C-alpha atoms as a PDB file:
ATOM      1  CA  MET A   1      14.379-148.185  14.450  1.00  0.00           C
ATOM      2  CA  SER A   2      10.733-147.267  15.066  1.00  0.00           C
ATOM      3  CA  ASP A   3       9.230-143.815  14.509  1.00  0.00           C
ATOM      4  CA  THR A   4       9.012-143.204  18.244  1.00  0.00           C
ATOM      5  CA  THR A   5      12.746-143.748  18.803  1.00  0.00           C
ATOM      6  CA  GLN A   6      14.079-142.196  15.584  1.00  0.00           C
ATOM      7  CA  THR A   7      16.255-139.142  16.181  1.00  0.00           C
ATOM      8  CA  ARG A   8      14.610-136.039  14.775  1.00  0.00           C
ATOM      9  CA  ILE A   9      16.520-134.042  12.164  1.00  0.00           C
ATOM     10  CA  ILE A  10      15.878-130.301  12.411  1.00  0.00           C
ATOM     11  CA  SER A  11      16.666-128.011   9.458  1.00  0.00           C
ATOM     12  CA  SER A  12      18.480-124.698   9.707  1.00  0.00           C
ATOM     13  CA  ALA A  13      15.024-123.043   9.530  1.00  0.00           C
ATOM     14  CA  GLY A  14      13.672-125.135  12.425  1.00  0.00           C
ATOM     15  CA  PHE A  15      11.614-127.650  10.418  1.00  0.00           C
ATOM     16  CA  ASP A  16      11.545-131.350  11.283  1.00  0.00           C
ATOM     17  CA  ILE A  17      13.026-132.910   8.130  1.00  0.00           C
ATOM     18  CA  THR A  18      13.216-136.428   9.545  1.00  0.00           C
ATOM     19  CA  PRO A  19      12.170-138.750   6.703  1.00  0.00           C
ATOM     20  CA  PRO A  20       8.588-139.957   7.164  1.00  0.00           C
ATOM     21  CA  SER A  21       7.949-143.660   7.703  1.00  0.00           C
ATOM     22  CA  LYS A  22       6.307-145.814   5.042  1.00  0.00           C
ATOM     23  CA  GLU A  23       3.150-145.753   7.155  1.00  0.00           C
ATOM     24  CA  GLN A  24       3.176-141.931   7.207  1.00  0.00           C
ATOM     25  CA  LEU A  25       3.818-141.687   3.458  1.00  0.00           C
ATOM     26  CA  ALA A  26       1.175-144.228   2.384  1.00  0.00           C
ATOM     27  CA  PRO A  27      -1.906-141.960   2.785  1.00  0.00           C
ATOM     28  CA  LEU A  28      -0.067-138.979   1.260  1.00  0.00           C
ATOM     29  CA  GLU A  29       0.952-141.026  -1.779  1.00  0.00           C
ATOM     30  CA  ALA A  30      -2.556-142.479  -2.099  1.00  0.00           C
ATOM     31  CA  ALA A  31      -3.977-138.935  -2.355  1.00  0.00           C
ATOM     32  CA  LEU A  32      -1.795-138.062  -5.384  1.00  0.00           C
ATOM     33  CA  THR A  33      -3.233-137.885  -8.883  1.00  0.00           C
ATOM     34  CA  PRO A  34      -1.626-140.206 -11.458  1.00  0.00           C
ATOM     35  CA  GLU A  35       0.282-137.229 -12.905  1.00  0.00           C
ATOM     36  CA  GLU A  36       1.558-136.153  -9.471  1.00  0.00           C
ATOM     37  CA  ARG A  37       2.568-139.736  -8.692  1.00  0.00           C
ATOM     38  CA  ASP A  38       4.524-139.982 -11.966  1.00  0.00           C
ATOM     39  CA  VAL A  39       6.549-136.835 -11.254  1.00  0.00           C
ATOM     40  CA  LEU A  40       6.946-136.968  -7.458  1.00  0.00           C
ATOM     41  CA  LEU A  41       7.471-140.705  -6.987  1.00  0.00           C
ATOM     42  CA  HIS A  42       8.796-141.891 -10.358  1.00  0.00           C
ATOM     43  CA  HIS A  43      11.004-138.893 -11.322  1.00  0.00           C
ATOM     44  CA  GLY A  44       8.844-137.873 -14.257  1.00  0.00           C
ATOM     45  CA  THR A  45       8.578-134.420 -15.816  1.00  0.00           C
ATOM     46  CA  GLU A  46       5.486-132.423 -16.642  1.00  0.00           C
ATOM     47  CA  ALA A  47       5.250-130.929 -20.115  1.00  0.00           C
ATOM     48  CA  PRO A  48       6.745-127.429 -20.433  1.00  0.00           C
ATOM     49  CA  PHE A  49       4.523-124.341 -20.382  1.00  0.00           C
ATOM     50  CA  CYS A  50       1.535-126.168 -18.893  1.00  0.00           C
ATOM     51  CA  GLY A  51       2.211-126.164 -15.127  1.00  0.00           C
ATOM     52  CA  GLY A  52      -0.255-124.341 -12.924  1.00  0.00           C
ATOM     53  CA  LEU A  53       2.423-122.368 -11.057  1.00  0.00           C
ATOM     54  CA  LEU A  54       4.397-121.114 -14.036  1.00  0.00           C
ATOM     55  CA  GLY A  55       2.625-117.735 -14.032  1.00  0.00           C
ATOM     56  CA  GLN A  56       2.199-117.476 -10.240  1.00  0.00           C
ATOM     57  CA  LYS A  57       3.224-113.952  -9.169  1.00  0.00           C
ATOM     58  CA  GLU A  58       1.741-113.677  -5.641  1.00  0.00           C
ATOM     59  CA  ASP A  59       3.859-113.359  -2.499  1.00  0.00           C
ATOM     60  CA  GLY A  60       4.234-116.639  -0.692  1.00  0.00           C
ATOM     61  CA  VAL A  61       6.148-119.868  -0.352  1.00  0.00           C
ATOM     62  CA  TYR A  62       6.336-122.937  -2.587  1.00  0.00           C
ATOM     63  CA  CYS A  63       6.087-126.155  -0.563  1.00  0.00           C
ATOM     64  CA  CYS A  64       6.601-129.806  -1.429  1.00  0.00           C
ATOM     65  CA  ARG A  65       3.318-131.161  -2.798  1.00  0.00           C
ATOM     66  CA  LEU A  66       3.790-134.450  -0.944  1.00  0.00           C
ATOM     67  CA  CYS A  67       4.967-133.502   2.572  1.00  0.00           C
ATOM     68  CA  GLY A  68       4.464-129.715   2.766  1.00  0.00           C
ATOM     69  CA  LEU A  69       8.088-128.717   3.466  1.00  0.00           C
ATOM     70  CA  PRO A  70       8.848-125.133   2.291  1.00  0.00           C
ATOM     71  CA  LEU A  71      11.240-125.363  -0.672  1.00  0.00           C
ATOM     72  CA  PHE A  72      11.289-121.940  -2.381  1.00  0.00           C
ATOM     73  CA  LEU A  73      10.227-118.352  -1.687  1.00  0.00           C
ATOM     74  CA  HIS A  74       8.304-116.243  -4.216  1.00  0.00           C
ATOM     75  CA  LYS A  75      11.035-113.596  -4.228  1.00  0.00           C
ATOM     76  CA  THR A  76      13.565-116.087  -5.654  1.00  0.00           C
ATOM     77  CA  LYS A  77      11.328-117.042  -8.602  1.00  0.00           C
ATOM     78  CA  PHE A  78      12.254-115.700 -12.024  1.00  0.00           C
ATOM     79  CA  GLU A  79      11.176-116.091 -15.649  1.00  0.00           C
ATOM     80  CA  SER A  80      13.654-118.441 -17.302  1.00  0.00           C
ATOM     81  CA  GLY A  81      11.765-119.043 -20.551  1.00  0.00           C
ATOM     82  CA  THR A  82      12.125-122.814 -20.073  1.00  0.00           C
ATOM     83  CA  GLY A  83       8.462-123.576 -19.417  1.00  0.00           C
ATOM     84  CA  TRP A  84       8.878-124.583 -15.768  1.00  0.00           C
ATOM     85  CA  PRO A  85       8.890-122.451 -12.603  1.00  0.00           C
ATOM     86  CA  SER A  86      12.476-121.410 -11.919  1.00  0.00           C
ATOM     87  CA  PHE A  87      14.122-120.189  -8.731  1.00  0.00           C
ATOM     88  CA  TYR A  88      17.656-118.986  -8.037  1.00  0.00           C
ATOM     89  CA  GLU A  89      17.901-120.406  -4.502  1.00  0.00           C
ATOM     90  CA  PRO A  90      15.970-122.701  -2.152  1.00  0.00           C
ATOM     91  CA  PHE A  91      14.060-121.607   0.952  1.00  0.00           C
ATOM     92  CA  VAL A  92      17.060-122.911   2.902  1.00  0.00           C
ATOM     93  CA  GLU A  93      19.794-125.107   1.509  1.00  0.00           C
ATOM     94  CA  ASP A  94      18.991-128.114   3.686  1.00  0.00           C
ATOM     95  CA  HIS A  95      15.372-128.333   2.447  1.00  0.00           C
ATOM     96  CA  VAL A  96      16.436-129.338  -1.070  1.00  0.00           C
ATOM     97  CA  ARG A  97      18.703-132.320  -1.647  1.00  0.00           C
ATOM     98  CA  GLU A  98      20.793-132.486  -4.822  1.00  0.00           C
ATOM     99  CA  VAL A  99      21.664-135.814  -6.449  1.00  0.00           C
ATOM    100  CA  ARG A 100      23.720-136.540  -9.551  1.00  0.00           C
ATOM    101  CA  ASP A 101      21.404-137.740 -12.343  1.00  0.00           C
ATOM    102  CA  THR A 102      22.737-139.567 -15.409  1.00  0.00           C
ATOM    103  CA  SER A 103      19.375-140.673 -16.817  1.00  0.00           C
ATOM    104  CA  TYR A 104      18.534-140.188 -20.492  1.00  0.00           C
ATOM    105  CA  GLY A 105      22.224-140.036 -21.434  1.00  0.00           C
ATOM    106  CA  MET A 106      22.637-136.624 -19.790  1.00  0.00           C
ATOM    107  CA  LEU A 107      24.492-135.425 -16.731  1.00  0.00           C
ATOM    108  CA  ARG A 108      22.269-133.286 -14.522  1.00  0.00           C
ATOM    109  CA  ILE A 109      21.683-132.526 -10.850  1.00  0.00           C
ATOM    110  CA  GLU A 110      18.275-133.713  -9.672  1.00  0.00           C
ATOM    111  CA  THR A 111      16.541-131.870  -6.842  1.00  0.00           C
ATOM    112  CA  LEU A 112      14.568-133.768  -4.217  1.00  0.00           C
ATOM    113  CA  CYS A 113      12.599-132.703  -1.183  1.00  0.00           C
ATOM    114  CA  ALA A 114      15.017-133.244   1.702  1.00  0.00           C
ATOM    115  CA  ARG A 115      12.258-134.562   3.969  1.00  0.00           C
ATOM    116  CA  CYS A 116      10.238-137.007   1.857  1.00  0.00           C
ATOM    117  CA  GLY A 117      12.612-137.550  -1.075  1.00  0.00           C
ATOM    118  CA  SER A 118      10.041-136.621  -3.733  1.00  0.00           C
ATOM    119  CA  HIS A 119      11.342-135.520  -7.135  1.00  0.00           C
ATOM    120  CA  GLN A 120      11.101-131.766  -7.705  1.00  0.00           C
ATOM    121  CA  GLY A 121      13.168-131.089 -10.824  1.00  0.00           C
ATOM    122  CA  HIS A 122      16.793-130.209 -11.612  1.00  0.00           C
ATOM    123  CA  VAL A 123      19.280-127.431 -10.890  1.00  0.00           C
ATOM    124  CA  PHE A 124      21.518-125.902 -13.550  1.00  0.00           C
ATOM    125  CA  PRO A 125      24.436-123.435 -13.358  1.00  0.00           C
ATOM    126  CA  ASP A 126      22.855-120.910 -15.760  1.00  0.00           C
ATOM    127  CA  GLY A 127      20.649-118.817 -13.478  1.00  0.00           C
ATOM    128  CA  PRO A 128      20.686-115.139 -12.552  1.00  0.00           C
ATOM    129  CA  ARG A 129      22.629-113.376  -9.826  1.00  0.00           C
ATOM    130  CA  PRO A 130      23.167-113.622  -6.943  1.00  0.00           C
ATOM    131  CA  THR A 131      23.661-117.426  -7.153  1.00  0.00           C
ATOM    132  CA  GLY A 132      24.016-118.181 -10.861  1.00  0.00           C
ATOM    133  CA  LEU A 133      21.727-121.191 -10.328  1.00  0.00           C
ATOM    134  CA  ARG A 134      18.427-122.148 -11.947  1.00  0.00           C
ATOM    135  CA  TYR A 135      16.279-124.553  -9.960  1.00  0.00           C
ATOM    136  CA  CYS A 136      13.950-125.787 -12.702  1.00  0.00           C
ATOM    137  CA  ILE A 137      10.982-127.274 -10.812  1.00  0.00           C
ATOM    138  CA  ASN A 138       7.822-129.083 -11.886  1.00  0.00           C
ATOM    139  CA  SER A 139       4.678-127.121 -10.923  1.00  0.00           C
ATOM    140  CA  ILE A 140       2.995-130.401 -10.074  1.00  0.00           C
ATOM    141  CA  SER A 141       5.677-131.067  -7.420  1.00  0.00           C
ATOM    142  CA  LEU A 142       4.825-127.878  -5.565  1.00  0.00           C
ATOM    143  CA  GLN A 143       1.992-126.406  -3.542  1.00  0.00           C
ATOM    144  CA  PHE A 144       1.878-122.599  -3.381  1.00  0.00           C
ATOM    145  CA  VAL A 145       0.933-120.989  -0.057  1.00  0.00           C
ATOM    146  CA  MET A 146       0.132-117.282  -0.163  1.00  0.00           C
ATOM    147  CA  THR A 147       1.772-115.074   2.463  1.00  0.00           C
ATOM    148  CA  GLY A 148      -0.355-115.038   5.627  1.00  0.00           C
ATOM    149  CA  ASN A 149      -1.870-118.486   5.083  1.00  0.00           C
ATOM    150  CA  PRO A 150      -0.820-121.499   7.168  1.00  0.00           C
ATOM    151  CA  LEU A 151       1.589-124.003   5.704  1.00  0.00           C
ATOM    152  CA  PRO A 152       0.338-127.441   4.781  1.00  0.00           C
ATOM    153  CA  ASP A 153       1.252-129.902   7.546  1.00  0.00           C
ATOM    154  CA  PRO A 154       0.193-133.342   6.310  1.00  0.00           C
ATOM    155  CA  LEU A 155       2.703-135.068   8.614  1.00  0.00           C
ATOM    156  CA  HIS A 156       1.373-133.162  11.662  1.00  0.00           C
ATOM    157  CA  ARG A 157       4.784-131.858  12.672  1.00  0.00           C
ATOM    158  CA  GLY A 158       3.695-128.332  13.547  1.00  0.00           C
ATOM    159  CA  ASP A 159       5.197-126.753  10.417  1.00  0.00           C
ATOM    160  CA  LYS A 160       5.116-122.948  10.589  1.00  0.00           C
ATOM    161  CA  LEU A 161       7.115-120.243   8.900  1.00  0.00           C
ATOM    162  CA  PRO A 162       9.825-118.751  11.124  1.00  0.00           C
ATOM    163  CA  GLY A 163       9.496-115.215  12.517  1.00  0.00           C
ATOM    164  CA  VAL A 164      10.154-112.017  10.608  1.00  0.00           C
ATOM    165  CA  ASP A 165      13.854-111.933  11.590  1.00  0.00           C
ATOM    166  CA  PHE A 166      14.502-115.220   9.795  1.00  0.00           C
ATOM    167  CA  LYS A 167      16.940-114.974   6.869  1.00  0.00           C
ATOM    168  CA  PRO A 168      16.061-117.907   4.590  1.00  0.00           C
ATOM    169  CA  SER A 169      19.177-117.919   2.413  1.00  0.00           C
ATOM    170  CA  VAL A 170      21.777-120.390   3.691  1.00  0.00           C
ATOM    171  CA  LEU A 171      23.841-120.971   0.593  1.00  0.00           C
ATOM    172  CA  PRO A 172      27.366-122.345   0.312  1.00  0.00           C
ATOM    173  CA  GLU A 173      30.102-119.854  -0.585  1.00  0.00           C
ATOM    174  CA  SER A 174      29.920-120.783  -4.258  1.00  0.00           C
ATOM    175  CA  PRO A 175      26.744-122.720  -5.153  1.00  0.00           C
ATOM    176  CA  THR A 176      27.467-122.425  -8.865  1.00  0.00           C
ATOM    177  CA  ASP A 177      30.819-124.155  -8.396  1.00  0.00           C
ATOM    178  CA  ASP A 178      29.147-126.916  -6.328  1.00  0.00           C
ATOM    179  CA  VAL A 179      26.701-127.656  -9.164  1.00  0.00           C
ATOM    180  CA  ARG A 180      29.414-127.448 -11.827  1.00  0.00           C
ATOM    181  CA  ASN A 181      31.660-129.807  -9.830  1.00  0.00           C
ATOM    182  CA  ALA A 182      28.791-132.272  -9.428  1.00  0.00           C
ATOM    183  CA  LEU A 183      28.117-132.115 -13.171  1.00  0.00           C
ATOM    184  CA  ARG A 184      31.778-132.976 -13.715  1.00  0.00           C
ATOM    185  CA  GLY A 185      31.416-135.990 -11.424  1.00  0.00           C
ATOM    186  CA  ASN A 186      32.886-134.388  -8.313  1.00  0.00           C
ATOM    187  CA  GLU A 187      30.575-134.425  -5.305  1.00  0.00           C
ATOM    188  CA  PRO A 188      29.973-130.938  -3.843  1.00  0.00           C
END
């Protein structure tokens, strides 16, 4: 199916999360640094306590470094002591895809950008209220956009933050149970 006939997938927040074509991704991937490429495209991990967004305290939104999709809001960020930016919930649930990860002899839940599939980090069931989740994300996978600034739109899809009445949290009834079930081998 060509890009012109592909059915668009719209997120609960109104963003076009249709996966980009190889032709659309090629220039975005070519612009990555070797370190960004290792993490985003090859599921690497940046060293703890060295990411540029770890100490970020400004109001804004954290977007996918590769495609610009909003993934997390500043108000859901918390200090976990792990050395990576941590959030207790995504911008909206359908912007972050969760996949069972058994690499390195461990059972974890990997988080990917729902639009471009780039590796972001992992989610664990040991976070604060209200969700009990800890999205442990590589700084290098994110681009921070301060409140009031336009979102990155490298795919030219007209990405904009929704209006002031938008409620970004669209979580399942028990996200902690979903992650725990996935860690046990049961799909959420």
